[in-house]
Each structure stands twice: as C-alpha cells, then as structure tokens.
Amino acid sequence: MNTEKPKIAYIMKYVTFGLIIVFVVLLMIFMSGSNKPFEEVESQVEASLNTEELTRQEDSMFKRNFGLNAADYSGVMYYTTGASMSADEVLLIRVKSDDQVQAVTDAIEARIASRKNDFEGYAPEEAKLLEGAVQSVRGRYIFYAVSPDAEKYLEVFGGSL
C-alpha cells in the first residue's frame, strides 16, 4: 500500500492554507491606510500641489462646498482655485472613525455632481475635468482631486502613506 500520496496531500493542504494566510495578511497591509500622522501626509501632498493655481481654503469653505464640518475629522486639507470658472480642487481628509468614510465619499460624489451641473453648459473643459476626478480611500484617509494634475497628486498621496 502506498502511503506517500496521502502524506503529500496532507502536506499540500497545509501549504495551501499557509499561502492563503500570507495572501490575506499582505492584502490587509497594502489595502489598509496608514498610521502616519495627518500632518506628515498633508505636508507631502501639499508640497506636490500647484500653489500658483490652488490656494488653501478655510474650514468654512469646506463646509459650504461639501456640507461637512472640519472639526468632526482628525484632519482636513482643502485647496481650490480662486477662479469661479475653474473646477480644480484637492481635498485630503483623515476621518476619526470608519463609519465617517461613507458620509465623506457621499459628500464628494454630491460635490462632483453639483459641479458638473454648474459647468455643463458653459465650460465643457471644466466638466470634462470633473469626469476625470480621482478619489481614493485608504484606511481612514480620503483623497479627492479635480485637476489636470490629479493623477500626479493621487500618486503622491499613495506614496505618502
């Protein structure tokens, strides 16, 4: 009787189980956010922004545009242009709890829809920028950008975590 086959099957079962565990751990590491302080992530993202075009906005402007109170979050960085004919804006938020993520992403979606409606008839190039808006949720960090450089900003955000 050949007992070699059952031993190999037994070993393969544990090897497969081990690989699944490693995969899950790696997935959790790479898909999670970061424990870096908001100030570190903010400074890296801020350094990449075109500050000749974008200016930092007060919390009141964040509340007006997104309907959210900045004091409810661990950190908020919001930049827009001063021009009313421009859709460019960059937002970085660190939520205090995971249950805040949906409210923020919903507010971003509502902002995009509202801005598309604003620009649709008279500024098609700005409406097109809104179509290419980038968003990312990484753990407790949420990033959103509308800009010709949005992908670059997103890359800096991802690298800062």
Protein backbone atom coordinates (compact mmCIF):
# COMPACT_ATOMS: atom_id res chain seq x y z
CA MET A 1 0.00 0.00 0.00
CA ASN A 2 1.36 3.40 -1.00
CA THR A 3 1.18 5.88 1.90
CA GLU A 4 3.19 8.50 0.02
CA LYS A 5 0.13 10.03 -1.75
CA PRO A 6 -1.85 10.73 1.45
CA LYS A 7 1.22 12.38 3.03
CA ILE A 8 1.70 14.67 0.02
CA ALA A 9 -1.98 15.61 0.01
CA TYR A 10 -1.81 16.28 3.74
CA ILE A 11 1.28 18.49 3.34
CA MET A 12 -0.20 20.32 0.33
CA LYS A 13 -3.32 21.14 2.33
CA TYR A 14 -1.23 22.93 4.97
CA VAL A 15 0.99 24.65 2.38
CA THR A 16 -2.13 25.96 0.63
CA PHE A 17 -3.58 27.12 3.93
CA GLY A 18 -0.32 28.90 4.76
CA LEU A 19 -0.25 30.66 1.39
CA ILE A 20 -3.82 31.85 1.89
CA ILE A 21 -2.89 33.30 5.29
CA VAL A 22 0.13 35.10 3.79
CA PHE A 23 -2.05 36.47 0.97
CA VAL A 24 -4.67 37.80 3.41
CA VAL A 25 -2.02 39.45 5.59
CA LEU A 26 -0.38 41.11 2.58
CA LEU A 27 -3.76 42.23 1.29
CA MET A 28 -4.58 43.80 4.64
CA ILE A 29 -1.24 45.60 4.75
CA PHE A 30 -1.44 47.01 1.22
CA MET A 31 -5.13 47.87 1.22
CA SER A 32 -5.16 49.46 4.63
CA GLY A 33 -4.47 53.07 5.26
CA SER A 34 -1.64 54.42 7.26
CA ASN A 35 -0.87 55.16 10.86
CA LYS A 36 1.13 58.20 9.80
CA PRO A 37 0.02 61.44 11.40
CA PHE A 38 -2.18 63.63 9.23
CA GLU A 39 0.44 66.39 9.25
CA GLU A 40 3.02 64.13 7.54
CA VAL A 41 0.66 63.03 4.78
CA GLU A 42 -0.67 66.56 4.40
CA SER A 43 2.79 68.11 4.01
CA GLN A 44 3.77 65.65 1.27
CA VAL A 45 0.55 66.15 -0.68
CA GLU A 46 0.67 69.91 -0.15
CA ALA A 47 4.26 70.09 -1.45
CA SER A 48 3.13 68.49 -4.74
CA LEU A 49 0.30 70.98 -5.38
CA ASN A 50 0.49 73.80 -7.88
CA THR A 51 0.07 76.57 -5.32
CA GLU A 52 0.18 79.25 -8.01
CA GLU A 53 -3.21 77.93 -9.11
CA LEU A 54 -4.55 76.45 -5.87
CA THR A 55 -4.97 78.19 -2.52
CA ARG A 56 -5.73 76.70 0.87
CA GLN A 57 -9.31 77.25 1.96
CA GLU A 58 -10.73 77.89 5.39
CA ASP A 59 -12.89 75.31 7.14
CA SER A 60 -15.95 77.43 6.38
CA MET A 61 -15.38 76.98 2.63
CA PHE A 62 -15.03 73.23 3.15
CA LYS A 63 -18.37 73.22 5.00
CA ARG A 64 -20.02 75.35 2.30
CA ASN A 65 -18.82 73.16 -0.57
CA PHE A 66 -19.14 69.71 0.99
CA GLY A 67 -21.68 70.23 3.79
CA LEU A 68 -19.27 68.72 6.33
CA ASN A 69 -17.81 70.18 9.49
CA ALA A 70 -13.99 70.04 9.55
CA ALA A 71 -13.99 69.76 13.36
CA ASP A 72 -15.58 66.31 13.03
CA TYR A 73 -12.41 64.89 11.44
CA SER A 74 -8.81 64.26 12.50
CA GLY A 75 -7.57 66.49 9.71
CA VAL A 76 -8.80 68.36 6.65
CA MET A 77 -6.75 69.95 3.87
CA TYR A 78 -8.79 71.69 1.18
CA TYR A 79 -7.40 73.62 -1.80
CA THR A 80 -9.30 75.29 -4.65
CA THR A 81 -8.65 77.96 -7.22
CA GLY A 82 -9.90 81.47 -6.68
CA ALA A 83 -11.46 81.47 -10.14
CA SER A 84 -15.16 80.75 -10.38
CA MET A 85 -14.62 79.34 -13.87
CA SER A 86 -12.34 76.56 -12.62
CA ALA A 87 -13.29 73.18 -11.21
CA ASP A 88 -9.82 72.48 -9.79
CA GLU A 89 -9.79 71.38 -6.16
CA VAL A 90 -7.90 68.98 -3.91
CA LEU A 91 -9.20 67.51 -0.67
CA LEU A 92 -7.46 65.33 1.90
CA ILE A 93 -9.33 64.12 4.99
CA ARG A 94 -8.47 61.79 7.83
CA VAL A 95 -11.64 60.54 9.48
CA LYS A 96 -11.80 59.76 13.18
CA SER A 97 -13.76 56.56 12.69
CA ASP A 98 -14.50 54.16 9.87
CA ASP A 99 -18.23 54.98 9.96
CA GLN A 100 -17.42 58.53 8.72
CA VAL A 101 -15.97 57.28 5.43
CA GLN A 102 -19.34 56.83 3.72
CA ALA A 103 -20.54 60.32 4.67
CA VAL A 104 -17.38 61.86 3.21
CA THR A 105 -17.47 59.83 -0.01
CA ASP A 106 -21.17 60.68 -0.42
CA ALA A 107 -20.36 64.39 0.04
CA ILE A 108 -17.61 64.14 -2.59
CA GLU A 109 -19.99 62.47 -5.05
CA ALA A 110 -22.59 65.17 -4.41
CA ARG A 111 -19.94 67.86 -4.95
CA ILE A 112 -18.88 66.32 -8.27
CA ALA A 113 -22.49 66.09 -9.46
CA SER A 114 -23.18 69.68 -8.43
CA ARG A 115 -20.04 71.00 -10.13
CA LYS A 116 -20.81 69.04 -13.32
CA ASN A 117 -24.21 70.69 -13.36
CA ASP A 118 -22.56 74.11 -12.86
CA PHE A 119 -20.12 73.72 -15.74
CA GLU A 120 -22.03 71.57 -18.20
CA GLY A 121 -23.45 74.30 -20.39
CA TYR A 122 -20.77 76.95 -20.46
CA ALA A 123 -17.41 75.35 -19.57
CA PRO A 124 -17.20 71.90 -21.16
CA GLU A 125 -13.46 71.60 -20.47
CA GLU A 126 -14.10 72.00 -16.73
CA ALA A 127 -16.96 69.47 -16.89
CA LYS A 128 -14.53 67.06 -18.55
CA LEU A 129 -12.05 67.58 -15.69
CA LEU A 130 -14.82 66.62 -13.28
CA GLU A 131 -15.40 63.42 -15.27
CA GLY A 132 -11.75 62.57 -14.57
CA ALA A 133 -11.89 63.37 -10.86
CA VAL A 134 -9.82 60.96 -8.78
CA GLN A 135 -10.77 59.58 -5.39
CA SER A 136 -9.08 57.17 -3.05
CA VAL A 137 -9.99 55.74 0.33
CA ARG A 138 -7.04 54.21 2.15
CA GLY A 139 -7.93 53.21 5.69
CA ARG A 140 -9.01 56.40 7.39
CA TYR A 141 -7.58 58.68 4.71
CA ILE A 142 -9.75 60.01 1.90
CA PHE A 143 -8.31 61.85 -1.08
CA TYR A 144 -10.13 63.66 -3.87
CA ALA A 145 -8.76 65.80 -6.71
CA VAL A 146 -10.05 67.56 -9.80
CA SER A 147 -7.14 68.92 -11.79
CA PRO A 148 -5.11 68.30 -14.91
CA ASP A 149 -2.51 67.03 -12.39
CA ALA A 150 -4.98 64.88 -10.42
CA GLU A 151 -3.21 61.59 -11.17
CA LYS A 152 0.11 63.05 -10.04
CA TYR A 153 -1.48 64.27 -6.80
CA LEU A 154 -3.06 60.84 -6.26
CA GLU A 155 0.31 59.18 -6.74
CA VAL A 156 1.91 61.47 -4.16
CA PHE A 157 -0.95 60.72 -1.76
CA GLY A 158 -0.46 56.98 -2.17
CA GLY A 159 3.27 57.30 -1.66
CA SER A 160 2.84 59.41 1.45
CA LEU A 161 1.02 56.71 3.40
